[in-house]
């Protein structure tokens, strides 16, 4: 990950965030646990976050990710 990307992710720690890990159909795709560790998501304690493995070409994981987003936004009202 680039320093710009990491900086943006650190700023995102101040809001609820969802990360959709696309291209999970590729043989060298990082596992969700590895992405979580590399992004430091486990260190975020004061905000909700969610990471969803996805594959845009097959649609795998997209509904699950959107469900989390919808439920999270509904709870904020």
C-alpha atoms as a PDB file:
ATOM      1  CA  UNK A   1       0.000   0.000   0.000  1.00  0.00           C
ATOM      2  CA  UNK A   2       1.220   3.479  -0.794  1.00  0.00           C
ATOM      3  CA  UNK A   3       1.858   6.081   1.928  1.00  0.00           C
ATOM      4  CA  UNK A   4      -1.026   8.158   0.540  1.00  0.00           C
ATOM      5  CA  UNK A   5      -3.377   5.199   0.809  1.00  0.00           C
ATOM      6  CA  UNK A   6      -2.250   4.407   4.357  1.00  0.00           C
ATOM      7  CA  UNK A   7      -2.674   8.049   5.375  1.00  0.00           C
ATOM      8  CA  UNK A   8      -6.198   8.051   4.007  1.00  0.00           C
ATOM      9  CA  UNK A   9      -6.986   4.867   5.906  1.00  0.00           C
ATOM     10  CA  UNK A  10      -5.705   6.360   9.145  1.00  0.00           C
ATOM     11  CA  UNK A  11      -7.946   9.401   8.651  1.00  0.00           C
ATOM     12  CA  UNK A  12     -10.825   7.024   7.909  1.00  0.00           C
ATOM     13  CA  UNK A  13     -10.391   5.585  11.399  1.00  0.00           C
ATOM     14  CA  UNK A  14     -12.448   8.523  12.676  1.00  0.00           C
ATOM     15  CA  UNK A  15     -15.575   7.312  10.858  1.00  0.00           C
ATOM     16  CA  UNK A  16     -17.383   4.023  10.467  1.00  0.00           C
ATOM     17  CA  UNK A  17     -15.852   2.325   7.476  1.00  0.00           C
ATOM     18  CA  UNK A  18     -16.311  -0.625   5.218  1.00  0.00           C
ATOM     19  CA  UNK A  19     -13.504  -2.033   3.140  1.00  0.00           C
ATOM     20  CA  UNK A  20     -14.413  -4.241   0.211  1.00  0.00           C
ATOM     21  CA  UNK A  21     -11.508  -6.461  -0.774  1.00  0.00           C
ATOM     22  CA  UNK A  22     -12.099  -7.013  -4.473  1.00  0.00           C
ATOM     23  CA  UNK A  23     -10.486  -9.542  -6.801  1.00  0.00           C
ATOM     24  CA  UNK A  24     -10.702 -12.408  -4.338  1.00  0.00           C
ATOM     25  CA  UNK A  25     -11.011 -14.755  -7.308  1.00  0.00           C
ATOM     26  CA  UNK A  26      -7.352 -14.197  -8.210  1.00  0.00           C
ATOM     27  CA  UNK A  27      -4.849 -16.821  -7.034  1.00  0.00           C
ATOM     28  CA  UNK A  28      -2.566 -14.350  -5.213  1.00  0.00           C
ATOM     29  CA  UNK A  29      -5.323 -12.368  -3.497  1.00  0.00           C
ATOM     30  CA  UNK A  30      -4.631 -11.549   0.145  1.00  0.00           C
ATOM     31  CA  UNK A  31      -6.884 -13.216   2.672  1.00  0.00           C
ATOM     32  CA  UNK A  32      -9.219 -10.972   4.647  1.00  0.00           C
ATOM     33  CA  UNK A  33      -7.178 -11.605   7.800  1.00  0.00           C
ATOM     34  CA  UNK A  34      -3.993 -10.413   6.083  1.00  0.00           C
ATOM     35  CA  UNK A  35      -5.679  -7.289   4.704  1.00  0.00           C
ATOM     36  CA  UNK A  36      -7.079  -6.588   8.175  1.00  0.00           C
ATOM     37  CA  UNK A  37      -3.618  -6.878   9.697  1.00  0.00           C
ATOM     38  CA  UNK A  38      -1.842  -4.812   7.037  1.00  0.00           C
ATOM     39  CA  UNK A  39      -4.404  -2.009   7.279  1.00  0.00           C
ATOM     40  CA  UNK A  40      -4.243  -2.073  11.058  1.00  0.00           C
ATOM     41  CA  UNK A  41      -8.000  -2.436  11.344  1.00  0.00           C
ATOM     42  CA  UNK A  42      -7.744  -4.421  14.564  1.00  0.00           C
ATOM     43  CA  UNK A  43      -6.261  -1.319  16.171  1.00  0.00           C
ATOM     44  CA  UNK A  44      -9.407   0.731  15.514  1.00  0.00           C
ATOM     45  CA  UNK A  45     -11.315   0.627  18.787  1.00  0.00           C
ATOM     46  CA  UNK A  46     -13.590   3.661  18.754  1.00  0.00           C
ATOM     47  CA  UNK A  47     -15.350   3.104  15.421  1.00  0.00           C
ATOM     48  CA  UNK A  48     -17.108   0.301  13.628  1.00  0.00           C
ATOM     49  CA  UNK A  49     -15.374  -1.235  10.648  1.00  0.00           C
ATOM     50  CA  UNK A  50     -16.080  -4.161   8.413  1.00  0.00           C
ATOM     51  CA  UNK A  51     -14.096  -5.862   5.715  1.00  0.00           C
ATOM     52  CA  UNK A  52     -15.756  -7.977   3.050  1.00  0.00           C
ATOM     53  CA  UNK A  53     -14.030 -10.187   0.503  1.00  0.00           C
ATOM     54  CA  UNK A  54     -15.561  -9.555  -2.913  1.00  0.00           C
ATOM     55  CA  UNK A  55     -15.346 -10.490  -6.555  1.00  0.00           C
ATOM     56  CA  UNK A  56     -17.008  -7.897  -8.759  1.00  0.00           C
ATOM     57  CA  UNK A  57     -17.121 -10.121 -11.842  1.00  0.00           C
ATOM     58  CA  UNK A  58     -19.169 -12.824 -10.065  1.00  0.00           C
ATOM     59  CA  UNK A  59     -20.857 -10.601  -7.483  1.00  0.00           C
ATOM     60  CA  UNK A  60     -19.544 -12.696  -4.588  1.00  0.00           C
ATOM     61  CA  UNK A  61     -19.589 -10.741  -1.343  1.00  0.00           C
ATOM     62  CA  UNK A  62     -21.193  -7.616  -2.781  1.00  0.00           C
ATOM     63  CA  UNK A  63     -24.619  -8.162  -1.210  1.00  0.00           C
ATOM     64  CA  UNK A  64     -23.061  -8.980   2.157  1.00  0.00           C
ATOM     65  CA  UNK A  65     -21.010  -5.790   2.079  1.00  0.00           C
ATOM     66  CA  UNK A  66     -23.968  -3.673   1.056  1.00  0.00           C
ATOM     67  CA  UNK A  67     -26.113  -5.288   3.771  1.00  0.00           C
ATOM     68  CA  UNK A  68     -23.553  -4.277   6.406  1.00  0.00           C
ATOM     69  CA  UNK A  69     -23.464  -0.735   5.051  1.00  0.00           C
ATOM     70  CA  UNK A  70     -27.255  -0.455   4.965  1.00  0.00           C
ATOM     71  CA  UNK A  71     -27.652  -1.834   8.498  1.00  0.00           C
ATOM     72  CA  UNK A  72     -24.921   0.434   9.855  1.00  0.00           C
ATOM     73  CA  UNK A  73     -26.415   3.547   8.271  1.00  0.00           C
ATOM     74  CA  UNK A  74     -29.912   2.603   9.465  1.00  0.00           C
ATOM     75  CA  UNK A  75     -28.657   2.314  13.062  1.00  0.00           C
ATOM     76  CA  UNK A  76     -27.209   5.841  12.885  1.00  0.00           C
ATOM     77  CA  UNK A  77     -30.612   7.477  12.332  1.00  0.00           C
END
